[in-house]
């Protein structure tokens, strides 16, 4: 698609349209020239004065009188038979002022005054056209050129931006989802380009996420399947019951691992595809944290401390999803801590923040950048034997995005390990305004 050619075609069409409009106006002016009597007043006065002189003298003296008047007024004057008018100005336009006919073209005017002797006409001309019509034509021409220039200045940036848009679309069609429309200058195309860039970024993110998810799923499924295949091969050759039970248990564990993996992947995939309908409500965050700390303590022999221990801290959140986010953070801390976990919560007028710290090995600085991505287990201390699938933190991060908040990780100054922080607005926009008023 050649947008440059389209632009020039459009520009030429507009200029042609303006030219046609100018022609129509000129024709309209020509039809209305008869109303512009001031332009011909001087010529009319001369014709009537000469006619009076002629009528006072015999016809044989008219030629001499007309010659003298022509010299006196410095205008071409003569008397002609009426039937010869069409021969004098055959290709001119024709208008009539009372008993004076005006024949005109682009440059000259010839006026015919019908005398009382109707077979004779007094001819003045050809002389230059009055200045007013010519000035009007020039003004119209200047207006047309100015409009053309304005249109050129207005349309050219649009054409240039559309060309950029076309190139980006062609790249996008060929699979380059990083294609963007950059440096637009037109206020018409700019918002469209921004919307396209956001759409392209979103599609690129989804495609990349799906590729990563597919690769990660293939990798995660390969290990337990390979172990199960190996256990089955060994099981065929095992003769002792204890050996058979050992490999059957290994196969059972691998199947359980696959079930957990598939379940987590389905949850994450559902989160990635679309945002569910969250039910925000005011809830006691302290009570939620106590419940999660108690649940985690049932499967952990170390210390889990909650501070501060306020009896009530009213925050707006979705109970189901926030419970899952906190549970994921505690599960992650239990998996990698040595023997101590600290859970803390702080809130001001605008923001609420939950921190989960452990005294484990911490998180490498490079790994902090990708730790909330799905299936991320870059840190050597966080290997498969610990049981992590790399989806819990990704789900937590997604839940925080839905709460218009964020999830991050840093070093724990108090315990020396990792410190995971989730934060979100204390009140979601547009809800529970009545509670604030009370």
Protein backbone atom coordinates (compact mmCIF):
# COMPACT_ATOMS: atom_id res chain seq x y z
CA UNK A 1 0.00 0.00 0.00
CA UNK A 2 1.61 3.28 -1.16
CA UNK A 3 0.27 5.92 1.20
CA UNK A 4 2.48 8.60 -0.35
CA UNK A 5 0.71 8.13 -3.68
CA UNK A 6 -2.64 8.12 -1.89
CA UNK A 7 -1.74 11.37 -0.14
CA UNK A 8 -0.86 13.15 -3.36
CA UNK A 9 -3.97 11.79 -5.03
CA UNK A 10 -6.08 13.12 -2.16
CA UNK A 11 -4.29 16.47 -2.24
CA UNK A 12 -4.77 16.79 -6.00
CA UNK A 13 -8.43 15.87 -5.59
CA UNK A 14 -8.88 18.59 -2.98
CA UNK A 15 -7.10 21.19 -5.13
CA UNK A 16 -9.22 20.13 -8.12
CA UNK A 17 -12.31 20.50 -5.97
CA UNK A 18 -11.23 23.98 -4.92
CA UNK A 19 -10.58 24.84 -8.57
CA UNK A 20 -14.06 23.68 -9.53
CA UNK A 21 -15.47 25.67 -6.63
CA UNK A 22 -13.59 28.74 -7.87
CA UNK A 23 -15.00 28.21 -11.36
CA UNK A 24 -18.52 27.91 -9.96
CA UNK A 25 -18.02 31.11 -7.99
CA UNK A 26 -16.70 32.83 -11.10
CA UNK A 27 -19.72 31.73 -13.07
CA UNK A 28 -21.95 32.93 -10.27
CA UNK A 29 -20.14 36.25 -10.31
CA UNK A 30 -20.60 36.50 -14.05
CA UNK A 31 -24.32 36.02 -13.56
CA UNK A 32 -24.36 38.76 -10.97
CA UNK A 33 -22.13 41.28 -12.76
CA UNK A 34 -25.20 43.13 -13.88
CA UNK A 35 -25.76 44.11 -10.26
CA UNK A 36 -22.31 45.75 -10.13
CA UNK A 37 -23.31 48.94 -11.89
CA UNK A 38 -20.66 51.07 -10.19
CA UNK A 39 -17.95 49.38 -12.27
CA UNK A 40 -19.57 50.72 -15.49
CA UNK A 41 -20.90 54.10 -14.34
CA UNK A 42 -18.16 56.11 -16.08
CA UNK A 43 -18.58 54.33 -19.39
CA UNK A 44 -22.36 54.70 -19.22
CA UNK A 45 -22.05 58.44 -18.59
CA UNK A 46 -19.82 58.83 -21.64
CA UNK A 47 -22.22 56.89 -23.85
CA UNK A 48 -25.22 58.96 -22.78
CA UNK A 49 -23.36 62.22 -23.19
CA UNK A 50 -22.26 61.29 -26.71
CA UNK A 51 -25.78 60.11 -27.54
CA UNK A 52 -27.20 63.52 -26.56
CA UNK A 53 -24.69 65.25 -28.82
CA UNK A 54 -25.51 62.94 -31.71
CA UNK A 55 -29.26 63.36 -31.40
CA UNK A 56 -28.91 67.15 -31.65
CA UNK A 57 -27.11 66.89 -35.01
CA UNK A 58 -28.01 65.38 -38.36
CA UNK A 59 -26.92 61.81 -39.06
CA UNK A 60 -24.30 62.76 -41.69
CA UNK A 61 -22.34 64.63 -38.95
CA UNK A 62 -22.35 61.72 -36.47
CA UNK A 63 -19.05 60.28 -37.67
CA UNK A 64 -17.24 63.57 -37.05
CA UNK A 65 -18.88 64.06 -33.65
CA UNK A 66 -17.99 60.52 -32.54
CA UNK A 67 -14.39 60.99 -33.68
CA UNK A 68 -14.08 64.22 -31.68
CA UNK A 69 -15.68 62.59 -28.59
CA UNK A 70 -13.29 59.63 -28.89
CA UNK A 71 -10.34 62.00 -28.82
CA UNK A 72 -11.85 64.07 -25.98
CA UNK A 73 -12.58 61.08 -23.71
CA UNK A 74 -9.58 58.97 -24.87
CA UNK A 75 -11.93 56.08 -25.50
CA UNK A 76 -12.66 54.13 -28.69
CA UNK A 77 -16.14 55.22 -29.87
CA UNK A 78 -18.06 54.52 -33.02
CA UNK A 79 -21.59 54.13 -34.40
CA UNK A 80 -22.60 50.78 -35.88
CA UNK A 81 -25.69 49.16 -37.29
CA UNK A 82 -27.41 47.04 -34.71
CA UNK A 83 -27.17 43.94 -36.84
CA UNK A 84 -23.35 44.06 -36.67
CA UNK A 85 -23.07 43.73 -32.87
CA UNK A 86 -22.34 39.97 -33.01
CA UNK A 87 -19.50 40.61 -35.44
CA UNK A 88 -17.75 43.06 -33.13
CA UNK A 89 -17.63 40.78 -30.06
CA UNK A 90 -18.47 37.26 -31.28
CA UNK A 91 -16.86 35.25 -28.45
CA UNK A 92 -17.71 37.47 -25.47
CA UNK A 93 -20.17 37.02 -22.61
CA UNK A 94 -23.22 39.24 -22.71
CA UNK A 95 -25.08 41.19 -20.04
CA UNK A 96 -27.57 44.09 -20.22
CA UNK A 97 -27.92 47.31 -18.20
CA UNK A 98 -31.24 48.86 -19.24
CA UNK A 99 -30.57 49.89 -22.87
CA UNK A 100 -26.81 49.25 -22.64
CA UNK A 101 -25.42 45.82 -23.53
CA UNK A 102 -22.03 44.77 -22.19
CA UNK A 103 -19.87 42.17 -23.92
CA UNK A 104 -16.85 41.10 -21.88
CA UNK A 105 -14.09 38.54 -21.75
CA UNK A 106 -11.15 37.99 -19.40
CA UNK A 107 -9.43 41.28 -20.33
CA UNK A 108 -11.71 43.68 -22.22
CA UNK A 109 -15.20 45.11 -22.20
CA UNK A 110 -17.22 46.38 -25.18
CA UNK A 111 -20.41 48.36 -24.50
CA UNK A 112 -23.29 48.87 -26.93
CA UNK A 113 -25.74 51.69 -26.28
CA UNK A 114 -29.00 51.32 -28.19
CA UNK A 115 -29.93 54.77 -29.50
CA UNK A 116 -33.42 56.11 -30.03
CA UNK A 117 -32.94 55.24 -33.65
CA UNK A 118 -33.12 51.53 -32.92
CA UNK A 119 -31.23 50.51 -36.03
CA UNK A 120 -28.10 52.23 -34.68
CA UNK A 121 -25.95 51.51 -31.63
CA UNK A 122 -23.18 53.58 -30.08
CA UNK A 123 -20.15 51.33 -29.43
CA UNK A 124 -17.57 51.98 -26.70
CA UNK A 125 -14.62 49.67 -26.69
CA UNK A 126 -12.95 47.40 -26.49
CA UNK A 127 -11.51 48.81 -23.25
CA UNK A 128 -9.98 47.19 -20.17
CA UNK A 129 -12.36 45.55 -17.73
CA UNK A 130 -13.21 47.50 -14.57
CA UNK A 131 -10.83 46.80 -11.71
CA UNK A 132 -13.36 45.44 -9.22
CA UNK A 133 -14.08 42.12 -11.03
CA UNK A 134 -10.38 41.52 -11.63
CA UNK A 135 -9.58 42.22 -7.96
CA UNK A 136 -12.30 39.82 -6.88
CA UNK A 137 -10.84 37.12 -9.12
CA UNK A 138 -7.38 37.65 -7.65
CA UNK A 139 -8.76 37.48 -4.13
CA UNK A 140 -10.50 34.21 -4.91
CA UNK A 141 -7.30 32.81 -6.36
CA UNK A 142 -5.33 33.81 -3.26
CA UNK A 143 -7.98 32.22 -1.03
CA UNK A 144 -7.82 28.98 -3.02
CA UNK A 145 -4.03 28.89 -2.83
CA UNK A 146 -4.09 29.64 0.90
CA UNK A 147 -6.62 26.86 1.51
CA UNK A 148 -4.45 24.51 -0.53
CA UNK A 149 -1.41 25.42 1.58
CA UNK A 150 -3.36 24.91 4.82
CA UNK A 151 -4.56 21.53 3.60
CA UNK A 152 -1.01 20.58 2.64
CA UNK A 153 0.30 21.49 6.10
CA UNK A 154 -2.56 19.58 7.76
CA UNK A 155 -2.62 16.47 5.57
CA UNK A 156 1.12 15.91 5.14
CA UNK A 157 1.78 14.85 8.79
CA UNK A 158 -1.26 12.56 8.62
CA UNK A 159 0.07 10.95 5.44
CA UNK A 160 3.53 10.52 6.98
CA UNK A 161 2.10 8.98 10.16
CA UNK A 162 -0.16 6.69 8.15
CA UNK A 163 2.92 5.46 6.27
CA UNK A 164 4.56 4.63 9.61
CA UNK A 165 1.35 2.93 10.69
CA UNK A 166 1.30 0.87 7.50
CA UNK A 167 4.92 -0.27 7.98
CA UNK A 168 4.21 -1.27 11.59
CA UNK A 169 1.11 -3.23 10.52
CA UNK A 170 3.07 -5.03 7.80
CA UNK A 171 5.73 -6.01 10.35
CA UNK A 172 3.04 -7.09 12.80
CA UNK A 173 1.36 -9.19 10.12
CA UNK A 174 4.66 -10.95 9.47
CA UNK A 175 4.96 -11.97 13.13
CA UNK A 176 7.05 -9.12 14.54
CA UNK A 177 4.92 -8.39 17.60
CA UNK A 178 7.46 -5.84 18.83
CA UNK A 179 6.51 -3.52 15.97
CA UNK A 180 5.42 -0.08 17.15
CA UNK A 181 4.37 3.23 15.61
CA UNK A 182 6.91 5.75 16.90
CA UNK A 183 7.31 9.53 16.66
CA UNK A 184 3.91 10.46 15.29
CA UNK A 185 3.31 14.15 14.61
CA UNK A 186 -0.39 14.22 13.82
CA UNK A 187 -2.92 14.78 16.59
CA UNK A 188 -5.34 12.63 14.57
CA UNK A 189 -3.08 9.58 14.24
CA UNK A 190 -1.25 9.95 17.60
CA UNK A 191 -4.01 8.48 19.84
CA UNK A 192 -4.60 5.65 17.36
CA UNK A 193 -0.88 4.89 17.33
CA UNK A 194 -0.76 4.80 21.13
CA UNK A 195 -3.70 2.39 21.21
CA UNK A 196 -2.02 0.20 18.59
CA UNK A 197 1.25 0.20 20.54
CA UNK A 198 -0.55 -0.85 23.72
CA UNK A 199 -2.42 -3.57 21.84
CA UNK A 200 0.80 -4.80 20.19
CA UNK A 201 2.59 -4.80 23.53
CA UNK A 202 -0.22 -6.76 25.13
CA UNK A 203 -0.30 -9.31 22.29
CA UNK A 204 3.49 -9.62 22.38
CA UNK A 205 3.33 -10.18 26.14
CA UNK A 206 0.66 -12.86 25.74
CA UNK A 207 2.51 -14.62 22.92
CA UNK A 208 5.77 -14.54 24.88
CA UNK A 209 4.00 -15.74 28.01
CA UNK A 210 2.36 -18.61 26.15
CA UNK A 211 5.68 -19.63 24.60
CA UNK A 212 7.38 -19.55 27.98
CA UNK A 213 4.49 -21.46 29.53
CA UNK A 214 4.64 -24.11 26.81
CA UNK A 215 8.38 -24.51 27.18
CA UNK A 216 8.14 -24.60 30.96
CA UNK A 217 5.32 -27.15 30.90
CA UNK A 218 7.32 -29.40 28.58
CA UNK A 219 10.33 -29.13 30.88
CA UNK A 220 8.36 -29.68 34.08
CA UNK A 221 6.51 -32.71 32.71
CA UNK A 222 9.64 -34.31 31.30
CA UNK A 223 11.34 -34.93 34.67
CA UNK A 224 8.57 -36.84 36.53
CA UNK A 225 7.66 -38.74 33.37
CA UNK A 226 11.29 -39.80 32.90
CA UNK A 227 11.51 -40.88 36.56
CA UNK A 228 8.26 -42.84 36.24
CA UNK A 229 9.49 -44.56 33.08
CA UNK A 230 12.74 -45.48 34.81
CA UNK A 231 10.89 -46.80 37.88
CA UNK A 232 8.62 -48.90 35.66
CA UNK A 233 11.60 -50.44 33.85
CA UNK A 234 13.30 -51.25 37.14
CA UNK A 235 10.02 -52.53 38.59
CA UNK A 236 9.76 -55.12 35.83
CA UNK A 237 13.11 -56.62 36.86
CA UNK A 238 12.61 -56.31 40.65
CA UNK A 239 12.17 -59.61 42.49
CA UNK A 240 12.02 -58.47 46.09
CA UNK A 241 8.77 -57.08 47.47
CA UNK A 242 10.65 -54.27 49.21
CA UNK A 243 12.14 -53.16 45.90
CA UNK A 244 8.73 -53.29 44.21
CA UNK A 245 7.18 -51.20 47.00
CA UNK A 246 10.02 -48.67 46.76
CA UNK A 247 9.57 -48.13 43.02
CA UNK A 248 5.79 -48.15 43.27
CA UNK A 249 6.07 -45.40 45.88
CA UNK A 250 8.36 -43.46 43.55
CA UNK A 251 5.83 -43.77 40.74
CA UNK A 252 3.04 -42.67 43.08
CA UNK A 253 5.06 -39.62 44.13
CA UNK A 254 5.72 -38.73 40.51
CA UNK A 255 2.03 -39.01 39.69
CA UNK A 256 1.18 -36.80 42.67
CA UNK A 257 3.76 -34.30 41.50
CA UNK A 258 2.21 -34.29 38.02
CA UNK A 259 -1.25 -33.72 39.49
CA UNK A 260 -0.03 -30.77 41.54
CA UNK A 261 1.82 -29.38 38.54
CA UNK A 262 -1.19 -29.66 36.23
CA UNK A 263 -3.44 -28.09 38.86
CA UNK A 264 -1.07 -25.15 39.38
CA UNK A 265 -0.65 -24.67 35.64
CA UNK A 266 -4.41 -24.62 35.10
CA UNK A 267 -4.81 -22.03 37.85
CA UNK A 268 -2.02 -19.90 36.43
CA UNK A 269 -3.35 -20.22 32.87
CA UNK A 270 -6.80 -19.10 34.03
CA UNK A 271 -5.21 -16.12 35.78
CA UNK A 272 -3.16 -15.24 32.72
CA UNK A 273 -6.01 -15.37 30.23
CA UNK A 274 -8.44 -13.02 31.92
CA UNK A 275 -9.08 -11.25 35.19
CA UNK A 276 -11.80 -12.86 37.31
CA UNK A 277 -14.53 -10.84 38.96
CA UNK A 278 -13.06 -9.78 42.28
CA UNK A 279 -15.39 -9.16 45.23
CA UNK A 280 -13.76 -6.38 47.22
CA UNK A 281 -15.00 -5.92 50.76
CA UNK A 282 -13.81 -4.44 54.03
CA UNK A 283 -12.18 -7.15 56.12
CA UNK A 284 -10.05 -7.64 59.22
CA UNK A 285 -6.58 -8.17 57.75
CA UNK A 286 -5.13 -9.16 61.11
CA UNK A 287 -7.57 -12.03 61.38
CA UNK A 288 -6.71 -13.19 57.85
CA UNK A 289 -2.98 -13.21 58.66
CA UNK A 290 -3.55 -15.07 61.95
CA UNK A 291 -5.49 -17.75 60.08
CA UNK A 292 -2.76 -18.15 57.45
CA UNK A 293 0.04 -18.22 60.06
CA UNK A 294 -1.85 -20.89 62.01
CA UNK A 295 -2.37 -23.01 58.87
CA UNK A 296 1.30 -22.76 57.93
CA UNK A 297 2.40 -23.67 61.48
CA UNK A 298 0.58 -27.01 61.25
CA UNK A 299 3.12 -28.20 58.67
CA UNK A 300 6.20 -26.39 59.94
CA UNK A 301 8.26 -27.07 63.06
CA UNK A 302 10.10 -23.72 63.12
CA UNK A 303 9.01 -20.32 64.39
CA UNK A 304 6.45 -18.14 62.56
CA UNK A 305 5.99 -14.75 64.23
CA UNK A 306 3.23 -12.25 63.40
CA UNK A 307 3.60 -8.57 64.28
CA UNK A 308 2.07 -6.32 65.20
CA UNK A 309 -0.75 -8.18 66.91
CA UNK A 310 -3.49 -5.57 66.51
CA UNK A 311 -6.89 -7.05 67.09
CA UNK A 312 -8.46 -5.31 64.11
CA UNK A 313 -7.09 -3.73 60.93
CA UNK A 314 -9.85 -2.98 58.41
CA UNK A 315 -8.61 -3.11 54.82
CA UNK A 316 -10.41 -3.49 51.51
CA UNK A 317 -9.48 -6.65 49.57
CA UNK A 318 -10.83 -9.76 47.91
CA UNK A 319 -10.77 -12.40 50.70
CA UNK A 320 -10.39 -15.44 48.43
CA UNK A 321 -7.51 -14.15 46.35
CA UNK A 322 -5.66 -12.35 49.15
CA UNK A 323 -5.76 -15.53 51.23
CA UNK A 324 -4.17 -17.34 48.32
CA UNK A 325 -1.49 -14.67 47.87
CA UNK A 326 -0.50 -14.74 51.57
CA UNK A 327 -0.58 -18.56 51.60
CA UNK A 328 1.80 -18.63 48.62
CA UNK A 329 4.24 -16.30 50.37
CA UNK A 330 4.16 -18.38 53.56
CA UNK A 331 4.56 -21.61 51.61
CA UNK A 332 7.57 -20.13 49.84
CA UNK A 333 9.08 -18.96 53.15
CA UNK A 334 8.54 -22.38 54.80
CA UNK A 335 10.23 -24.07 51.84
CA UNK A 336 13.42 -21.99 51.94
CA UNK A 337 13.85 -20.77 55.54
CA UNK A 338 16.15 -22.34 58.07
CA UNK A 339 14.04 -22.10 61.21
CA UNK A 340 12.40 -18.69 61.47
CA UNK A 341 9.73 -16.70 59.60
CA UNK A 342 8.49 -13.18 60.36
CA UNK A 343 5.14 -11.85 59.07
CA UNK A 344 4.45 -8.14 59.49
CA UNK A 345 1.75 -5.75 58.29
CA UNK A 346 1.69 -1.96 58.11
CA UNK A 347 -0.96 0.44 56.83
CA UNK A 348 -1.40 4.18 56.51
CA UNK A 349 -4.25 6.24 55.10
CA UNK A 350 -3.58 5.15 51.51
CA UNK A 351 -1.47 1.98 51.38
CA UNK A 352 -1.39 -1.43 53.04
CA UNK A 353 1.72 -3.62 53.07
CA UNK A 354 2.42 -7.22 54.12
CA UNK A 355 5.99 -8.49 54.52
CA UNK A 356 7.06 -12.13 54.83
CA UNK A 357 10.71 -12.62 55.82
CA UNK A 358 12.82 -15.73 56.38
CA UNK A 359 16.36 -16.50 57.53
CA UNK A 360 17.22 -18.69 54.55
CA UNK A 361 19.90 -18.13 51.92
CA UNK A 362 18.14 -15.11 50.42
CA UNK A 363 17.64 -14.31 46.73
CA UNK A 364 20.37 -13.47 44.24
CA UNK A 365 20.16 -9.91 42.87
CA UNK A 366 19.84 -11.12 39.28
CA UNK A 367 17.12 -13.58 40.19
CA UNK A 368 15.08 -10.83 41.90
CA UNK A 369 14.26 -9.47 38.44
CA UNK A 370 12.52 -12.66 37.31
CA UNK A 371 11.45 -14.33 40.54
CA UNK A 372 7.80 -13.44 39.94
CA UNK A 373 7.82 -14.97 36.45
CA UNK A 374 6.22 -18.37 35.97
CA UNK A 375 8.51 -21.41 36.50
CA UNK A 376 11.43 -19.25 37.63
CA UNK A 377 13.95 -21.22 39.71
CA UNK A 378 17.22 -19.58 38.75
CA UNK A 379 18.62 -19.58 42.28
CA UNK A 380 20.61 -22.82 42.84
CA UNK A 381 19.29 -23.07 46.40
CA UNK A 382 15.74 -23.21 45.05
CA UNK A 383 15.94 -26.48 43.10
CA UNK A 384 13.36 -29.15 42.29
CA UNK A 385 14.03 -31.19 45.43
CA UNK A 386 12.49 -28.46 47.56
CA UNK A 387 9.17 -29.08 45.83
CA UNK A 388 8.59 -25.67 44.28
CA UNK A 389 6.99 -25.35 40.85
CA UNK A 390 7.77 -21.67 40.30
CA UNK A 391 4.10 -20.70 39.96
CA UNK A 392 3.12 -19.57 43.45
CA UNK A 393 4.93 -16.23 43.32
CA UNK A 394 3.71 -15.59 39.76
CA UNK A 395 0.13 -16.10 40.96
CA UNK A 396 0.75 -13.81 43.94
CA UNK A 397 2.07 -11.09 41.65
CA UNK A 398 -0.99 -11.44 39.39
CA UNK A 399 -3.33 -11.12 42.39
CA UNK A 400 -1.55 -7.92 43.44
CA UNK A 401 -1.96 -6.50 39.94
CA UNK A 402 -5.70 -7.14 40.24
CA UNK A 403 -5.64 -5.27 43.56
CA UNK A 404 -3.92 -2.32 41.80
CA UNK A 405 -0.83 -3.09 43.88
CA UNK A 406 2.57 -4.72 43.48
CA UNK A 407 4.77 -7.58 44.67
CA UNK A 408 8.51 -7.29 45.24
CA UNK A 409 11.44 -9.01 46.93
CA UNK A 410 14.41 -7.58 48.82
CA UNK A 411 16.94 -8.62 51.43
CA UNK A 412 15.71 -9.02 55.00
CA UNK A 413 17.65 -6.69 57.29
CA UNK A 414 16.26 -8.37 60.41
CA UNK A 415 16.54 -12.08 59.54
CA UNK A 416 19.19 -12.00 56.83
CA UNK A 417 17.25 -14.01 54.25
CA UNK A 418 14.61 -12.95 51.73
CA UNK A 419 11.84 -10.41 52.36
CA UNK A 420 8.76 -10.60 50.13
CA UNK A 421 6.52 -7.54 50.11
CA UNK A 422 2.99 -7.17 48.73
CA UNK A 423 1.31 -3.76 48.78
CA UNK A 424 -1.99 -2.40 47.50
CA UNK A 425 -4.27 0.61 48.06
CA UNK A 426 -6.12 0.50 51.34
CA UNK A 427 -9.34 1.29 49.50
CA UNK A 428 -10.08 0.45 45.89
CA UNK A 429 -11.25 3.28 43.66
CA UNK A 430 -14.93 4.09 43.55
CA UNK A 431 -16.03 1.75 46.36
CA UNK A 432 -17.01 2.07 49.97
CA UNK A 433 -17.16 5.84 49.96
CA UNK A 434 -19.93 5.67 52.51
CA UNK A 435 -17.64 3.91 55.01
CA UNK A 436 -15.18 6.80 54.81
CA UNK A 437 -17.93 9.29 55.46
CA UNK A 438 -19.02 7.37 58.54
